């Protein structure tokens, strides 16, 4: 498979503070990666650096062979980076359908395809964003990223704070996106075992550095590593 994303010796943070340092890994087109680690180790900072909203001190971000390290966030989005932040960032005063059509770009993903992935959104297509539950807002946030037809989808804690039944629905949708649709993605997730079951590769951060990298299936079969780096609760 062709390489889609390469991170080379990347150090970045906010202002003079360096949060992630010496980060390096590659992701092939059609692969998904679980980005794991305890709270505060730099996972969101790394995602934000790929997006372009932190201060890069060293290193490079290369997307589909193009160095995007110095490009502004809007240019990176245009080149194919989709982002689902923890805050979701939906338009709360617009309907579900309007949220999707307002940002859609030509490609295989359109509002109807999003409704097929998330039937709950089809049922609430005329509801305003602020009339949706937290889980439905998360589905809409993912749908908004999909209709941009990105090459690479970045998801920051997509199941955080959601009811177990909604978590299972979202994970089933992500499984379809990764396994059946072949969408390239990087996912930050606290449900380590569940996300490892869906992804191809895994990287664990500790104190802003990569301390373990392996195929997801191999890491899933290494409970000692999960306990060592993530703790018993995170590994469950």
Foldseek 3Di string as FASTA:
>chain_A
DAWFKWWAQWWWAADPDTQAGGDTDTDRQLFEEEEEFAPRNCPVVVVCQLLPPTGIDDTFMAGPRRTCNPPHNVVSVLQFEFEQEPVLPFQQAAFLQCSQVVQADDDDQGVVVLCVLPVVCVVRRRPGNVVDDPLVSLSSSVSNRVRSVGSEYEYEASCPPHDPVSVVSVLVSLLCCRPVVSRYYYYHHLQLLSVLVRGQKYFYGGSNYTPDIDTSVVVNVVVVVCCVGPNDNSPD
